[in-house]
N, C-alpha and C. Protein backbone atom coordinates (compact mmCIF):
# COMPACT_ATOMS: atom_id res chain seq x y z
N MET A 1 1.07 -1.24 0.00
CA MET A 1 0.19 -0.04 0.20
C MET A 1 0.87 1.24 0.05
N ALA A 2 2.23 1.23 0.50
CA ALA A 2 2.88 2.50 0.93
C ALA A 2 3.24 2.49 -0.80
N LYS A 3 3.48 1.75 -1.53
CA LYS A 3 4.36 2.01 -2.75
C LYS A 3 2.98 2.65 -3.83
N LEU A 4 1.73 2.69 -3.44
CA LEU A 4 1.09 3.11 -4.06
C LEU A 4 0.73 4.31 -3.78
N GLU A 5 0.94 4.84 -2.41
CA GLU A 5 0.65 5.94 -2.02
C GLU A 5 2.12 6.68 -2.72
N ASP A 6 3.36 6.36 -2.50
CA ASP A 6 4.23 7.16 -2.71
C ASP A 6 4.01 7.41 -4.67
N LEU A 7 3.39 6.48 -5.56
CA LEU A 7 3.23 6.51 -6.70
C LEU A 7 2.38 7.89 -6.84
N ALA A 8 1.32 7.49 -5.95
CA ALA A 8 0.43 8.94 -6.16
C ALA A 8 0.84 9.89 -5.77
N GLU A 9 2.08 9.89 -5.04
CA GLU A 9 2.33 11.38 -4.36
C GLU A 9 3.39 11.83 -5.41
N ARG A 10 4.20 10.63 -6.06
CA ARG A 10 4.73 11.32 -7.52
C ARG A 10 4.21 11.88 -8.46
N VAL A 11 3.04 11.36 -8.74
CA VAL A 11 2.12 11.55 -10.02
C VAL A 11 1.25 13.08 -9.85
N ASP A 12 1.00 13.45 -8.44
CA ASP A 12 0.66 14.62 -8.20
C ASP A 12 1.58 15.45 -8.05
N ARG A 13 3.07 15.55 -7.89
CA ARG A 13 3.99 16.27 -8.29
C ARG A 13 4.38 16.70 -9.26
N LEU A 14 4.47 15.60 -10.13
CA LEU A 14 4.45 15.88 -11.67
C LEU A 14 3.27 16.58 -12.46
N VAL A 15 2.27 16.37 -11.95
CA VAL A 15 1.32 17.42 -12.38
C VAL A 15 1.50 18.68 -11.89
N LEU A 16 1.75 19.12 -10.74
CA LEU A 16 2.23 20.05 -10.56
C LEU A 16 3.22 20.86 -10.81
N ARG A 17 4.22 20.00 -11.19
CA ARG A 17 5.18 20.50 -12.34
C ARG A 17 4.89 21.32 -13.75
N HIS A 18 4.25 20.28 -13.92
CA HIS A 18 3.30 20.21 -15.69
C HIS A 18 2.87 21.29 -15.63
N GLN A 19 2.22 22.15 -14.69
CA GLN A 19 1.38 22.69 -14.57
C GLN A 19 2.01 24.09 -14.29
N GLU A 20 3.04 24.37 -13.66
CA GLU A 20 4.31 25.05 -13.34
C GLU A 20 4.92 25.33 -14.91
N LEU A 21 5.17 24.38 -15.58
CA LEU A 21 6.02 24.41 -16.81
C LEU A 21 5.18 25.07 -17.72
N LYS A 22 3.97 24.57 -17.52
CA LYS A 22 2.89 25.39 -18.49
C LYS A 22 2.90 26.96 -18.45
N ARG A 23 2.84 27.30 -17.02
CA ARG A 23 2.57 28.90 -16.83
C ARG A 23 3.71 29.53 -17.62
N THR A 24 5.12 28.94 -17.16
CA THR A 24 6.17 29.68 -17.13
C THR A 24 6.25 29.70 -18.80
N SER A 25 5.78 28.60 -19.50
CA SER A 25 6.33 28.46 -21.02
C SER A 25 5.16 29.65 -21.70
N ALA A 26 4.04 30.14 -21.26
CA ALA A 26 2.98 31.13 -21.61
C ALA A 26 3.78 32.21 -21.48
N LEU A 27 4.52 32.54 -20.63
CA LEU A 27 5.11 33.66 -19.70
C LEU A 27 6.21 33.90 -20.75
N ILE A 28 6.69 33.11 -21.40
CA ILE A 28 8.06 33.21 -21.92
C ILE A 28 7.33 33.46 -23.10
N GLU A 29 6.69 32.76 -23.97
CA GLU A 29 5.85 32.93 -25.31
C GLU A 29 5.24 34.38 -25.13
N GLN A 30 4.73 34.94 -23.92
CA GLN A 30 4.22 36.52 -24.00
C GLN A 30 5.39 37.64 -24.43
N GLN A 31 6.39 37.21 -23.25
CA GLN A 31 8.01 37.99 -23.53
C GLN A 31 8.31 37.78 -25.02
N LEU A 32 8.09 36.92 -25.35
CA LEU A 32 8.81 36.65 -27.10
C LEU A 32 8.15 37.78 -27.51
N GLN A 33 7.21 37.62 -27.85
CA GLN A 33 5.83 38.42 -29.00
C GLN A 33 6.53 39.86 -28.53
N THR A 34 6.11 40.24 -27.27
CA THR A 34 6.63 41.57 -26.83
C THR A 34 8.05 42.11 -27.75
N VAL A 35 9.16 41.24 -27.11
CA VAL A 35 9.97 41.71 -28.07
C VAL A 35 10.53 41.37 -29.39
N THR A 36 10.00 40.62 -30.05
CA THR A 36 9.82 40.54 -31.34
C THR A 36 9.10 41.98 -31.86
N ALA A 37 7.81 42.33 -31.56
CA ALA A 37 7.21 43.58 -31.98
C ALA A 37 7.97 45.11 -31.38
N GLU A 38 9.37 44.92 -30.50
CA GLU A 38 9.77 46.06 -30.27
C GLU A 38 10.97 45.90 -31.29
N ARG A 39 11.72 44.58 -31.56
CA ARG A 39 12.48 44.46 -32.52
C ARG A 39 12.08 44.83 -34.06
N ASP A 40 10.60 44.55 -34.22
CA ASP A 40 10.25 45.10 -35.60
C ASP A 40 10.28 46.56 -35.59
N SER A 41 9.94 46.75 -34.47
CA SER A 41 9.84 48.12 -34.63
C SER A 41 10.90 49.18 -34.73
N LEU A 42 11.90 48.79 -34.12
CA LEU A 42 13.26 49.19 -34.01
C LEU A 42 13.81 49.35 -35.56
N ARG A 43 13.47 47.81 -36.18
CA ARG A 43 13.88 48.02 -37.37
C ARG A 43 13.26 48.62 -38.55
N SER A 44 12.02 49.02 -38.13
CA SER A 44 11.40 50.10 -39.20
C SER A 44 11.77 51.41 -38.69
N ARG A 45 12.41 52.00 -37.45
CA ARG A 45 12.85 53.28 -36.73
C ARG A 45 14.00 53.11 -37.79
N LEU A 46 14.67 52.15 -37.54
CA LEU A 46 16.17 52.15 -38.24
C LEU A 46 16.27 52.40 -40.00
N GLY A 47 15.13 51.76 -40.45
CA GLY A 47 14.96 51.83 -41.85
C GLY A 47 14.78 53.24 -42.13
N ALA A 48 14.20 54.02 -41.52
CA ALA A 48 13.45 55.48 -41.82
C ALA A 48 14.71 56.26 -41.77
N ALA A 49 15.62 56.15 -40.53
CA ALA A 49 16.81 56.57 -40.11
C ALA A 49 17.74 56.96 -40.92
N ARG A 50 17.80 55.61 -41.34
CA ARG A 50 18.86 55.47 -42.83
C ARG A 50 18.44 56.07 -44.48
N ALA A 51 16.88 56.39 -44.37
CA ALA A 51 16.64 56.74 -45.88
C ALA A 51 16.65 58.03 -45.55
N ARG A 52 16.57 58.82 -44.03
CA ARG A 52 16.76 60.21 -43.83
C ARG A 52 18.22 60.45 -44.07
N ILE A 53 19.29 59.94 -43.62
CA ILE A 53 20.66 60.11 -43.84
C ILE A 53 21.10 59.97 -45.30
N ASP A 54 20.62 59.18 -46.27
CA ASP A 54 20.69 58.85 -47.61
C ASP A 54 20.00 60.18 -48.19
N ALA A 55 19.30 60.61 -47.94
CA ALA A 55 18.71 61.72 -48.51
C ALA A 55 19.44 62.98 -48.31
N LEU A 56 20.08 62.98 -46.97
CA LEU A 56 21.04 64.16 -46.71
C LEU A 56 22.30 64.11 -47.01
N LEU A 57 22.92 62.92 -47.52
CA LEU A 57 24.29 62.64 -48.22
C LEU A 57 24.21 63.11 -49.38
N GLU A 58 22.82 62.83 -50.54
CA GLU A 58 22.59 63.11 -51.68
C GLU A 58 22.80 64.34 -51.93
N ARG A 59 22.31 65.41 -50.68
CA ARG A 59 22.42 66.81 -50.85
C ARG A 59 23.84 67.05 -50.73
N LEU A 60 24.40 66.32 -50.33
CA LEU A 60 25.88 67.00 -50.09
C LEU A 60 26.49 67.01 -51.84
N PRO A 61 27.24 67.98 -52.18
CA PRO A 61 28.05 67.98 -53.00
C PRO A 61 29.32 66.76 -53.12
N ALA A 62 29.14 66.08 -54.49
CA ALA A 62 29.93 65.33 -54.64
C ALA A 62 31.67 65.52 -54.57
N ASP A 63 32.40 66.87 -54.73
CA ASP A 63 33.15 66.72 -55.04
C ASP A 63 34.17 67.64 -53.48
N GLY A 64 33.06 67.71 -52.59
CA GLY A 64 33.16 68.60 -51.41
C GLY A 64 33.24 69.81 -51.37
N ALA A 65 33.23 70.38 -52.64
CA ALA A 65 33.07 71.65 -52.58
C ALA A 65 31.67 72.37 -51.80
N PRO A 66 31.51 73.52 -51.41
CA PRO A 66 30.17 73.89 -50.90
C PRO A 66 29.08 73.97 -51.97
N ALA A 67 27.93 73.17 -51.42
CA ALA A 67 27.03 73.53 -52.07
C ALA A 67 26.44 75.16 -52.85
N MET A 68 25.95 74.94 -54.04
CA MET A 68 25.84 76.82 -54.73
C MET A 68 24.89 77.22 -53.76
N ASP A 69 23.93 76.48 -53.53
CA ASP A 69 22.89 77.25 -53.10
C ASP A 69 22.88 77.61 -51.07
N ALA A 70 24.20 76.92 -50.67
CA ALA A 70 24.54 77.05 -49.61
C ALA A 70 24.90 78.70 -49.37
N PRO A 71 24.71 79.09 -47.86
CA PRO A 71 25.20 80.60 -47.51
C PRO A 71 26.85 80.16 -47.30
N GLN A 72 27.27 81.53 -48.12
CA GLN A 72 28.93 81.49 -47.79
C GLN A 72 29.37 82.05 -46.55
N LYS A 73 30.24 81.76 -45.75
CA LYS A 73 30.91 82.22 -44.56
C LYS A 73 31.94 83.17 -45.09
N ALA A 74 31.85 84.15 -44.57
CA ALA A 74 32.82 85.11 -44.85
C ALA A 74 34.13 84.48 -43.72
N SER A 75 35.17 84.50 -44.53
CA SER A 75 36.62 83.79 -43.63
C SER A 75 37.35 84.76 -43.03
N PRO A 76 37.54 84.67 -41.86
CA PRO A 76 38.02 85.87 -40.73
C PRO A 76 39.79 85.94 -41.24
N LEU A 77 40.38 86.97 -41.90
CA LEU A 77 41.52 87.56 -41.56
C LEU A 77 42.04 87.98 -40.61
C-alpha cells in the first residue's frame, strides 16, 4: 500500500510541475512576442533613419565643394 501512496504522491508532484512549466512557457511566449514587436519597430525606425541620412548625403556636393545654394561664410582674416 505504501508503494501505491508513493506513486500517487509522485504523480501529484509531476502534475504540479507540469502546470508550473506550462505557466512559465506561456509567460516566455508572451515575452517573446513583446520583444519581437519591439525588434520590428526598431528595425522600422532604423530603416527610416537610414533613408533620411541617405537623402541628406545626396544633398551634399560630390567633390567636397560647398553647395551653390548654401550661404557662404566670410573667412576671418
